[in-house]
PDB file of N, CA and C in Angstrom:
ATOM      1  N   MET A   1       0.822  -1.365  -0.005  1.00  0.00           N
ATOM      2  CA  MET A   1       0.127   0.100   0.153  1.00  0.00           C
ATOM      3  C   MET A   1       1.058   0.975  -0.019  1.00  0.00           C
ATOM      4  N   THR A   2       0.595   2.211  -0.583  1.00  0.00           N
ATOM      5  CA  THR A   2       1.259   3.460  -0.701  1.00  0.00           C
ATOM      6  C   THR A   2       1.082   4.298   0.749  1.00  0.00           C
ATOM      7  N   HIS A   3       2.031   5.217   0.886  1.00  0.00           N
ATOM      8  CA  HIS A   3       1.869   6.114   2.140  1.00  0.00           C
ATOM      9  C   HIS A   3       0.523   6.961   2.060  1.00  0.00           C
ATOM     10  N   GLN A   4      -0.217   6.827   3.039  1.00  0.00           N
ATOM     11  CA  GLN A   4      -1.256   7.560   3.065  1.00  0.00           C
ATOM     12  C   GLN A   4      -1.242   8.957   3.641  1.00  0.00           C
ATOM     13  N   PRO A   5      -1.766  10.085   3.589  1.00  0.00           N
ATOM     14  CA  PRO A   5      -1.381  11.358   4.009  1.00  0.00           C
ATOM     15  C   PRO A   5      -2.087  11.568   5.384  1.00  0.00           C
ATOM     16  N   GLU A   6      -3.263  10.930   5.423  1.00  0.00           N
ATOM     17  CA  GLU A   6      -3.779  10.954   6.734  1.00  0.00           C
ATOM     18  C   GLU A   6      -3.801   9.864   7.378  1.00  0.00           C
ATOM     19  N   SER A   7      -3.642   9.779   8.941  1.00  0.00           N
ATOM     20  CA  SER A   7      -3.137   8.620   9.393  1.00  0.00           C
ATOM     21  C   SER A   7      -4.651   7.741   9.706  1.00  0.00           C
ATOM     22  N   LEU A   8      -4.306   6.462   9.698  1.00  0.00           N
ATOM     23  CA  LEU A   8      -5.698   5.462  10.105  1.00  0.00           C
ATOM     24  C   LEU A   8      -5.804   5.391  11.105  1.00  0.00           C
ATOM     25  N   GLU A   9      -5.067   5.566  11.769  1.00  0.00           N
ATOM     26  CA  GLU A   9      -4.948   5.256  13.447  1.00  0.00           C
ATOM     27  C   GLU A   9      -6.121   5.527  14.169  1.00  0.00           C
ATOM     28  N   GLY A  10      -6.886   4.461  14.705  1.00  0.00           N
ATOM     29  CA  GLY A  10      -8.309   4.726  15.376  1.00  0.00           C
ATOM     30  C   GLY A  10      -9.432   4.663  14.604  1.00  0.00           C
ATOM     31  N   LYS A  11      -9.382   4.758  13.471  1.00  0.00           N
ATOM     32  CA  LYS A  11     -10.289   4.910  12.192  1.00  0.00           C
ATOM     33  C   LYS A  11     -10.901   3.305  12.251  1.00  0.00           C
ATOM     34  N   THR A  12     -12.321   3.296  11.970  1.00  0.00           N
ATOM     35  CA  THR A  12     -13.252   1.967  11.973  1.00  0.00           C
ATOM     36  C   THR A  12     -13.211   1.947  10.446  1.00  0.00           C
ATOM     37  N   LEU A  13     -13.485   0.718  10.030  1.00  0.00           N
ATOM     38  CA  LEU A  13     -13.652   0.695   8.605  1.00  0.00           C
ATOM     39  C   LEU A  13     -14.563  -0.826   8.663  1.00  0.00           C
ATOM     40  N   LEU A  14     -15.588  -0.972   7.944  1.00  0.00           N
ATOM     41  CA  LEU A  14     -16.347  -2.240   7.898  1.00  0.00           C
ATOM     42  C   LEU A  14     -15.939  -2.908   6.525  1.00  0.00           C
ATOM     43  N   ILE A  15     -15.539  -3.875   6.512  1.00  0.00           N
ATOM     44  CA  ILE A  15     -14.983  -4.776   5.276  1.00  0.00           C
ATOM     45  C   ILE A  15     -15.550  -5.902   5.264  1.00  0.00           C
ATOM     46  N   THR A  16     -16.309  -6.193   4.229  1.00  0.00           N
ATOM     47  CA  THR A  16     -16.966  -7.591   3.964  1.00  0.00           C
ATOM     48  C   THR A  16     -16.249  -8.520   3.011  1.00  0.00           C
ATOM     49  N   GLY A  17     -16.151  -9.676   2.957  1.00  0.00           N
ATOM     50  CA  GLY A  17     -15.452 -10.615   2.407  1.00  0.00           C
ATOM     51  C   GLY A  17     -13.895 -10.893   2.938  1.00  0.00           C
ATOM     52  N   ALA A  18     -13.857 -10.709   3.990  1.00  0.00           N
ATOM     53  CA  ALA A  18     -12.260 -10.653   4.415  1.00  0.00           C
ATOM     54  C   ALA A  18     -12.013 -12.068   5.319  1.00  0.00           C
ATOM     55  N   ALA A  19     -12.660 -13.092   4.925  1.00  0.00           N
ATOM     56  CA  ALA A  19     -12.283 -14.363   5.444  1.00  0.00           C
ATOM     57  C   ALA A  19     -10.988 -15.078   4.823  1.00  0.00           C
ATOM     58  N   ARG A  20     -10.794 -14.675   3.779  1.00  0.00           N
ATOM     59  CA  ARG A  20      -9.623 -15.497   3.231  1.00  0.00           C
ATOM     60  C   ARG A  20      -8.974 -14.640   2.212  1.00  0.00           C
ATOM     61  N   ARG A  21      -7.747 -15.003   1.618  1.00  0.00           N
ATOM     62  CA  ARG A  21      -7.147 -14.918   0.757  1.00  0.00           C
ATOM     63  C   ARG A  21      -6.754 -13.262   0.575  1.00  0.00           C
ATOM     64  N   ILE A  22      -7.178 -12.430  -0.459  1.00  0.00           N
ATOM     65  CA  ILE A  22      -6.825 -11.076  -0.787  1.00  0.00           C
ATOM     66  C   ILE A  22      -7.438 -10.246   0.325  1.00  0.00           C
ATOM     67  N   GLY A  23      -8.575 -10.422   0.781  1.00  0.00           N
ATOM     68  CA  GLY A  23      -9.527  -9.835   1.547  1.00  0.00           C
ATOM     69  C   GLY A  23      -8.947  -9.894   2.840  1.00  0.00           C
ATOM     70  N   ALA A  24      -8.332 -11.064   3.531  1.00  0.00           N
ATOM     71  CA  ALA A  24      -8.064 -11.112   4.686  1.00  0.00           C
ATOM     72  C   ALA A  24      -6.484 -10.626   5.039  1.00  0.00           C
ATOM     73  N   ALA A  25      -5.652 -10.678   3.759  1.00  0.00           N
ATOM     74  CA  ALA A  25      -4.462  -9.686   3.758  1.00  0.00           C
ATOM     75  C   ALA A  25      -4.785  -8.078   3.805  1.00  0.00           C
ATOM     76  N   ILE A  26      -5.701  -7.928   3.033  1.00  0.00           N
ATOM     77  CA  ILE A  26      -6.014  -6.529   3.157  1.00  0.00           C
ATOM     78  C   ILE A  26      -6.326  -6.085   4.748  1.00  0.00           C
ATOM     79  N   VAL A  27      -7.100  -6.833   5.363  1.00  0.00           N
ATOM     80  CA  VAL A  27      -7.666  -6.542   6.768  1.00  0.00           C
ATOM     81  C   VAL A  27      -6.238  -6.497   7.627  1.00  0.00           C
ATOM     82  N   ARG A  28      -5.479  -7.254   7.482  1.00  0.00           N
ATOM     83  CA  ARG A  28      -4.443  -7.335   8.413  1.00  0.00           C
ATOM     84  C   ARG A  28      -3.813  -6.139   8.179  1.00  0.00           C
ATOM     85  N   MET A  29      -3.451  -5.862   7.181  1.00  0.00           N
ATOM     86  CA  MET A  29      -2.619  -4.631   6.598  1.00  0.00           C
ATOM     87  C   MET A  29      -2.977  -3.548   7.133  1.00  0.00           C
ATOM     88  N   LEU A  30      -4.460  -3.379   7.015  1.00  0.00           N
ATOM     89  CA  LEU A  30      -5.221  -1.766   7.640  1.00  0.00           C
ATOM     90  C   LEU A  30      -5.173  -1.864   9.386  1.00  0.00           C
ATOM     91  N   HIS A  31      -5.372  -3.429   9.684  1.00  0.00           N
ATOM     92  CA  HIS A  31      -5.249  -3.510  11.246  1.00  0.00           C
ATOM     93  C   HIS A  31      -3.898  -3.156  11.723  1.00  0.00           C
ATOM     94  N   ALA A  32      -2.738  -3.319  11.089  1.00  0.00           N
ATOM     95  CA  ALA A  32      -1.326  -3.143  11.405  1.00  0.00           C
ATOM     96  C   ALA A  32      -1.071  -1.498  11.218  1.00  0.00           C
ATOM     97  N   GLU A  33      -1.615  -0.924  10.213  1.00  0.00           N
ATOM     98  CA  GLU A  33      -1.654   0.522  10.392  1.00  0.00           C
ATOM     99  C   GLU A  33      -2.632   1.164  11.326  1.00  0.00           C
ATOM    100  N   GLY A  34      -3.158   0.693  12.293  1.00  0.00           N
ATOM    101  CA  GLY A  34      -3.880   1.382  13.173  1.00  0.00           C
ATOM    102  C   GLY A  34      -5.461   1.138  13.263  1.00  0.00           C
ATOM    103  N   MET A  35      -6.160   0.649  12.194  1.00  0.00           N
ATOM    104  CA  MET A  35      -7.822   0.658  12.018  1.00  0.00           C
ATOM    105  C   MET A  35      -8.216  -0.214  13.068  1.00  0.00           C
ATOM    106  N   ASN A  36      -9.633   0.193  13.371  1.00  0.00           N
ATOM    107  CA  ASN A  36     -10.173  -0.771  14.103  1.00  0.00           C
ATOM    108  C   ASN A  36     -11.085  -1.663  13.346  1.00  0.00           C
TER     109      ASN A  36
END
């Protein structure tokens, strides 16, 4: 993922279809960036 100008820390995002593969990888990455 490219650098985000705004911090994602503490923000909440609802993602569907994140149980496997690419969706799960995206969720893990966003969580590592501080999203709830």
